[in-house]
Amino acid sequence: MDAHKLFDDGHQWYVFGRDPEKPEKILDTNQYMIVDGQRSILLDPGGIEVFSTMLASVLKYVNIEHLTDLFASHQDPDIISSLGMWDQVLPDSSLHCSGIWEGFIRHFGMDNIQYKPIADTGGHLRLESIGLDFIPAHYMHSSGNFNVYDPKAKILFSGDVGAALEPPGTPMFVENFERHIESMRFFHQRWMPSNEAKAHWIKRIRKLDIDILAPQHGRLFKGKDVQRFLDWFEQLDVGSAIK
């Protein structure tokens, strides 16, 4: 699984994904890693089926003892069912996730990693030279859900918000926003259950300075496409796909 570097100025952002070796009926996912000196964090490290590929890929960029933190935006298996495997190789690390999901996520296996619950109002994590903000994104689509914002890199990891279901091998970034809409529409209408929650999220996110919006599935948005996505999503009637 190849990595694409998104940012490199004192600390680094990497995205892993578009795995051509993944099983056909398994969702293709984007995993992210932030490296800051001798501390690193994996964001939504993936399902159990990509663990060995992810571990091999991550070790190309960071020593295992410097992988100190994991983050799960919510409880879905495609982003965190690999936890039991990471628990064996990262016994001294911490997992940051909504406090409401601890009893669920421990079913994936968690004997060594320390669970660090994030309060509903959000939180902050200091690595070495930078701080990351855990931004509330509840009901987008999970009832306990968070994004990660890096104010220095101006990158927002948006979890399932902005996701598109596309085959491996597609470009890393959105190249034509209007054409990309049809890859996103059904996912957002079906999996985002609340227009009210969506409005709260958009109001919060519009206050951030974002160069790259990085979802957990599909292509990333950069530059003016970030605002194009927010404008499109704002007018979309969600929770409506089965009416």
Foldseek 3Di string as FASTA:
>chain_A
DEWDWDDDDQKTKIKDWLDPPDDPPQFTWIKMKIGHPLAIEIELQFALRCVVVSVVRVVVPHPLQSDAEYEYQAQDRGRQLNVQVVCVSHLRHEYEFAPVCPVPSCVSPHDRHHYDHAYQCWDWDDTPPFIKTWHHLACQPHNTGTWIATQVSQEIEDEAQVAFGDHRPDDQADDDLVVCCVRCQVVFQQRRQDLVSLVVVLVVCVVGRHQWYHYTHDHIYGDPVVVVSSVVSNPRNHNPNVD
